[in-house]
Amino acid sequence: MNDLFSIKNKIIIITGGGGGIGYFLATEMWENSAIVYAIDKKTVVSNKKNFFTVKSDITNRKKIYRVCDKIFKNHGKIDVLINNAGITLPKENYVEYPYADWDQTIKTNLTGAFMTAQIVAQYMKKQNSGSIINITSINAELGFPNNPAYVASKGGLKMLTKSLAKDYGKYGIRVNNLGPGYIKTNMTKKSYANKTTRIAREKQTLLGRWGEISDLIGPCMFLASDASKYITGQDIYVDGGWLANGLVE
């Protein structure tokens, strides 16, 4: 049974692996004996064996192709891609939401994920196997205020996953969504620090608490491992029951 959930010696690429959720997932995958490549726009230093950090930009197709090609040539395979890179640029005035912020968010959260998946899939086809995990959000299902670009990007990523699952299934490539709820990270520290907001978010969940980054590793390892080998095109939400909560009392 332990082998079923094993990711030992799997070649795993994770975008946005330089901090927050991405760095935690990358580190935990490495702790579980995977060979990890953490890609980020900023420089991240690592001296760990089989934990490689790569400075690159997922919105630049040529750069990300060179990175993935080198990884495949080094190992002869790419087992898992975790599309985690994402930004959020909320604005108080929804009506005047800047186009530049919209464009930047869509490029990073949606177009970048698409390009990276498309490139990695070329190599996964050669081995007739692979798992692509797209990190979405409960924003893919619900309308949230003052952040139309983020909500649109995550909703688009959710449906992109289903499209890719349809197209890549015949090559043995699985594509699934992992959607966090409110997780305590640097991205959400402002909301968490506001007592009123923090409590309101807690009440939206069935478990009555915010998520920890550690809550994501189990589902992520499940989707990366052979334990999920007959699962594709699905949405797994790690939200404490937020989406299932019909009435907040």
Protein backbone atom coordinates (compact mmCIF):
# COMPACT_ATOMS: atom_id res chain seq x y z
CA MET A 1 0.00 0.00 0.00
CA ASN A 2 2.87 2.37 0.74
CA ASP A 3 4.18 1.86 -2.81
CA LEU A 4 0.80 2.88 -4.20
CA PHE A 5 1.23 6.41 -2.84
CA SER A 6 4.97 6.54 -3.48
CA ILE A 7 6.54 9.35 -5.51
CA LYS A 8 10.07 8.02 -5.06
CA ASN A 9 12.34 8.96 -7.98
CA LYS A 10 9.51 10.66 -9.85
CA ILE A 11 10.67 13.71 -11.82
CA ILE A 12 8.45 16.54 -10.64
CA ILE A 13 8.34 20.09 -12.03
CA ILE A 14 6.59 22.71 -9.94
CA THR A 15 6.13 26.28 -11.11
CA GLY A 16 6.08 29.11 -8.63
CA GLY A 17 8.31 26.92 -6.49
CA GLY A 18 10.26 29.77 -4.93
CA GLY A 19 7.95 30.59 -2.06
CA GLY A 20 4.63 30.03 -0.30
CA ILE A 21 2.57 27.02 -1.32
CA GLY A 22 4.92 26.20 -4.21
CA TYR A 23 8.07 25.99 -2.14
CA PHE A 24 6.33 23.97 0.56
CA LEU A 25 4.97 21.45 -1.95
CA ALA A 26 8.35 21.22 -3.66
CA THR A 27 10.11 20.60 -0.36
CA GLU A 28 7.60 18.01 0.80
CA MET A 29 7.78 16.16 -2.50
CA TRP A 30 11.56 16.12 -2.16
CA GLU A 31 11.25 14.88 1.43
CA ASN A 32 9.29 11.97 0.01
CA SER A 33 12.15 11.01 -2.33
CA ALA A 34 11.01 12.74 -5.52
CA ILE A 35 13.47 14.53 -7.81
CA VAL A 36 12.16 18.08 -7.84
CA TYR A 37 12.65 21.05 -10.13
CA ALA A 38 11.27 24.25 -8.60
CA ILE A 39 10.82 26.95 -11.23
CA ASP A 40 10.39 30.58 -10.21
CA LYS A 41 10.99 34.09 -11.57
CA LYS A 42 13.14 34.90 -8.58
CA THR A 43 16.42 33.27 -7.63
CA VAL A 44 16.07 30.50 -5.05
CA VAL A 45 19.14 28.84 -3.58
CA SER A 46 19.17 25.12 -2.81
CA ASN A 47 22.05 22.82 -1.92
CA LYS A 48 19.90 19.75 -1.49
CA LYS A 49 20.62 16.69 -3.59
CA ASN A 50 17.88 16.10 -6.18
CA PHE A 51 16.24 19.44 -5.38
CA PHE A 52 16.93 21.81 -8.25
CA THR A 53 15.90 25.45 -8.48
CA VAL A 54 15.51 27.10 -11.85
CA LYS A 55 15.06 30.80 -12.51
CA SER A 56 12.70 31.18 -15.45
CA ASP A 57 9.48 32.84 -16.59
CA ILE A 58 6.51 30.63 -17.43
CA THR A 59 5.02 33.40 -19.60
CA ASN A 60 8.03 33.10 -21.92
CA ARG A 61 7.48 30.05 -24.10
CA LYS A 62 11.07 29.77 -25.33
CA LYS A 63 12.51 29.93 -21.83
CA ILE A 64 10.17 27.37 -20.36
CA TYR A 65 10.73 25.05 -23.33
CA ARG A 66 14.50 25.15 -22.79
CA VAL A 67 14.05 24.31 -19.10
CA CYS A 68 11.74 21.36 -19.76
CA ASP A 69 13.87 20.05 -22.61
CA LYS A 70 16.95 20.04 -20.39
CA ILE A 71 15.10 18.24 -17.61
CA PHE A 72 13.89 15.55 -20.01
CA LYS A 73 17.35 15.09 -21.50
CA ASN A 74 18.84 14.76 -18.01
CA HIS A 75 16.39 12.11 -16.82
CA GLY A 76 14.68 10.64 -19.88
CA LYS A 77 11.26 11.38 -18.41
CA ILE A 78 9.01 13.94 -16.73
CA ASP A 79 6.47 12.31 -14.42
CA VAL A 80 4.59 15.21 -12.86
CA LEU A 81 3.93 18.87 -13.57
CA ILE A 82 2.40 21.02 -10.84
CA ASN A 83 1.19 24.31 -12.30
CA ASN A 84 1.30 26.36 -9.12
CA ALA A 85 2.62 29.77 -10.28
CA GLY A 86 0.04 32.47 -9.73
CA ILE A 87 -0.48 36.08 -8.77
CA THR A 88 -3.38 38.09 -7.40
CA LEU A 89 -3.83 41.83 -7.89
CA PRO A 90 -7.05 42.87 -6.15
CA LYS A 91 -8.34 46.42 -6.45
CA GLU A 92 -10.98 48.15 -4.36
CA ASN A 93 -12.63 49.72 -7.41
CA TYR A 94 -13.89 46.86 -9.55
CA VAL A 95 -15.31 49.20 -12.22
CA GLU A 96 -11.90 50.73 -12.87
CA TYR A 97 -9.90 47.52 -12.61
CA PRO A 98 -6.70 48.19 -14.61
CA TYR A 99 -6.29 46.33 -17.89
CA ALA A 100 -2.57 45.94 -17.21
CA ASP A 101 -3.36 44.01 -14.01
CA TRP A 102 -5.90 41.89 -15.86
CA ASP A 103 -3.41 41.08 -18.60
CA GLN A 104 -0.61 40.23 -16.18
CA THR A 105 -2.84 37.96 -14.09
CA ILE A 106 -4.27 36.06 -17.05
CA LYS A 107 -0.81 35.64 -18.60
CA THR A 108 0.63 34.18 -15.40
CA ASN A 109 -2.26 32.18 -13.97
CA LEU A 110 -3.83 30.83 -17.16
CA THR A 111 -1.70 31.31 -20.26
CA GLY A 112 1.51 30.37 -18.45
CA ALA A 113 -0.09 27.21 -17.10
CA PHE A 114 -1.36 26.31 -20.56
CA MET A 115 2.02 26.81 -22.24
CA THR A 116 3.87 24.85 -19.59
CA ALA A 117 1.38 21.97 -19.72
CA GLN A 118 1.51 21.92 -23.51
CA ILE A 119 5.32 21.76 -23.51
CA VAL A 120 5.59 19.14 -20.77
CA ALA A 121 2.92 17.00 -22.45
CA GLN A 122 5.19 16.62 -25.49
CA TYR A 123 7.62 14.69 -23.29
CA MET A 124 4.96 12.81 -21.34
CA LYS A 125 3.61 11.51 -24.64
CA LYS A 126 6.94 9.81 -25.31
CA GLN A 127 6.58 7.77 -22.12
CA ASN A 128 2.78 7.34 -22.44
CA SER A 129 2.23 8.50 -18.88
CA GLY A 130 2.24 11.56 -16.67
CA SER A 131 0.26 13.62 -14.20
CA ILE A 132 -0.46 17.34 -14.56
CA ILE A 133 -1.82 19.04 -11.45
CA ASN A 134 -3.24 22.53 -11.84
CA ILE A 135 -3.56 24.56 -8.66
CA THR A 136 -6.88 26.37 -8.94
CA SER A 137 -8.94 27.85 -6.08
CA ILE A 138 -12.44 28.03 -4.69
CA ASN A 139 -12.47 31.21 -6.79
CA ALA A 140 -12.91 28.87 -9.76
CA GLU A 141 -16.41 28.11 -8.45
CA LEU A 142 -17.55 31.26 -6.65
CA GLY A 143 -17.69 34.98 -7.33
CA PHE A 144 -15.37 37.00 -5.09
CA PRO A 145 -15.25 40.81 -5.05
CA ASN A 146 -12.66 43.26 -6.38
CA ASN A 147 -10.51 40.73 -8.20
CA PRO A 148 -12.06 39.85 -11.58
CA ALA A 149 -8.77 38.80 -13.19
CA TYR A 150 -7.94 36.25 -10.48
CA VAL A 151 -11.44 34.77 -10.46
CA ALA A 152 -11.50 34.58 -14.26
CA SER A 153 -8.04 33.02 -14.42
CA LYS A 154 -8.88 30.30 -11.91
CA GLY A 155 -12.23 29.57 -13.54
CA GLY A 156 -10.48 29.35 -16.89
CA LEU A 157 -7.79 27.07 -15.47
CA LYS A 158 -10.45 24.76 -14.06
CA MET A 159 -11.99 24.28 -17.51
CA LEU A 160 -8.60 24.16 -19.25
CA THR A 161 -7.86 21.13 -17.08
CA LYS A 162 -10.92 19.32 -18.38
CA SER A 163 -10.03 20.21 -21.96
CA LEU A 164 -6.45 18.93 -21.57
CA ALA A 165 -7.67 15.80 -19.79
CA LYS A 166 -9.84 15.09 -22.84
CA ASP A 167 -7.03 15.72 -25.32
CA TYR A 168 -4.21 13.99 -23.45
CA GLY A 169 -6.02 10.96 -22.03
CA LYS A 170 -5.18 8.83 -25.06
CA TYR A 171 -1.50 9.36 -24.26
CA GLY A 172 -1.85 8.12 -20.69
CA ILE A 173 -1.57 11.67 -19.30
CA ARG A 174 -3.85 12.59 -16.42
CA VAL A 175 -4.82 16.23 -15.75
CA ASN A 176 -6.56 17.27 -12.53
CA ASN A 177 -7.29 20.35 -10.44
CA LEU A 178 -6.30 20.90 -6.84
CA GLY A 179 -8.25 23.84 -5.45
CA PRO A 180 -7.27 25.39 -2.11
CA GLY A 181 -9.66 27.38 0.02
CA TYR A 182 -8.30 30.09 2.30
CA ILE A 183 -4.81 28.95 3.25
CA LYS A 184 -2.51 30.86 5.59
CA THR A 185 0.26 32.14 3.28
CA ASN A 186 2.00 35.41 2.52
CA MET A 187 -0.66 36.04 -0.12
CA THR A 188 -3.45 35.92 2.49
CA LYS A 189 -1.63 37.34 5.53
CA LYS A 190 -3.45 40.69 5.29
CA SER A 191 -6.86 39.01 5.45
CA TYR A 192 -5.76 36.69 8.23
CA ALA A 193 -4.39 39.58 10.29
CA ASN A 194 -7.79 41.32 10.17
CA LYS A 195 -9.75 39.67 12.99
CA THR A 196 -13.17 40.39 11.47
CA THR A 197 -12.16 39.01 8.10
CA ARG A 198 -10.41 36.01 9.62
CA ILE A 199 -13.46 34.99 11.65
CA ALA A 200 -15.80 35.53 8.70
CA ARG A 201 -13.66 33.22 6.57
CA GLU A 202 -13.58 30.61 9.33
CA LYS A 203 -17.37 30.62 9.56
CA GLN A 204 -17.63 29.90 5.84
CA THR A 205 -15.97 26.52 6.37
CA LEU A 206 -17.50 23.40 7.87
CA LEU A 207 -14.33 22.75 9.88
CA GLY A 208 -14.29 26.24 11.38
CA ARG A 209 -10.71 27.12 10.54
CA TRP A 210 -8.35 28.41 7.87
CA GLY A 211 -6.27 25.89 6.00
CA GLU A 212 -2.60 25.25 6.64
CA ILE A 213 -0.17 24.76 3.78
CA SER A 214 0.42 21.25 5.14
CA ASP A 215 -3.22 20.41 4.34
CA LEU A 216 -2.34 20.43 0.64
CA ILE A 217 0.49 17.90 0.57
CA GLY A 218 -1.62 14.74 0.97
CA PRO A 219 -3.98 15.49 -1.92
CA CYS A 220 -1.06 16.66 -4.07
CA MET A 221 0.94 13.49 -3.44
CA PHE A 222 -2.18 11.44 -4.17
CA LEU A 223 -2.57 13.06 -7.60
CA ALA A 224 1.16 12.70 -8.30
CA SER A 225 1.25 9.01 -7.39
CA ASP A 226 -0.12 5.85 -8.96
CA ALA A 227 -2.86 5.86 -6.33
CA SER A 228 -4.79 8.19 -8.65
CA LYS A 229 -3.92 6.44 -11.93
CA TYR A 230 -7.61 6.17 -12.98
CA ILE A 231 -8.50 9.75 -12.06
CA THR A 232 -8.45 12.56 -14.61
CA GLY A 233 -10.38 15.73 -15.38
CA GLN A 234 -11.43 16.10 -11.74
CA ASP A 235 -11.59 18.91 -9.18
CA ILE A 236 -10.34 18.20 -5.66
CA TYR A 237 -10.99 21.06 -3.27
CA VAL A 238 -9.04 21.47 -0.05
CA ASP A 239 -11.29 24.09 1.48
CA GLY A 240 -12.48 22.84 4.86
CA GLY A 241 -15.95 22.36 3.39
CA TRP A 242 -16.40 25.94 2.15
CA LEU A 243 -18.06 24.95 -1.14
CA ALA A 244 -20.37 22.47 0.60
CA ASN A 245 -21.57 25.00 3.17
CA GLY A 246 -25.06 26.08 2.20
CA LEU A 247 -25.98 28.36 5.12
CA VAL A 248 -23.60 30.25 7.38
CA GLU A 249 -25.13 30.42 10.87
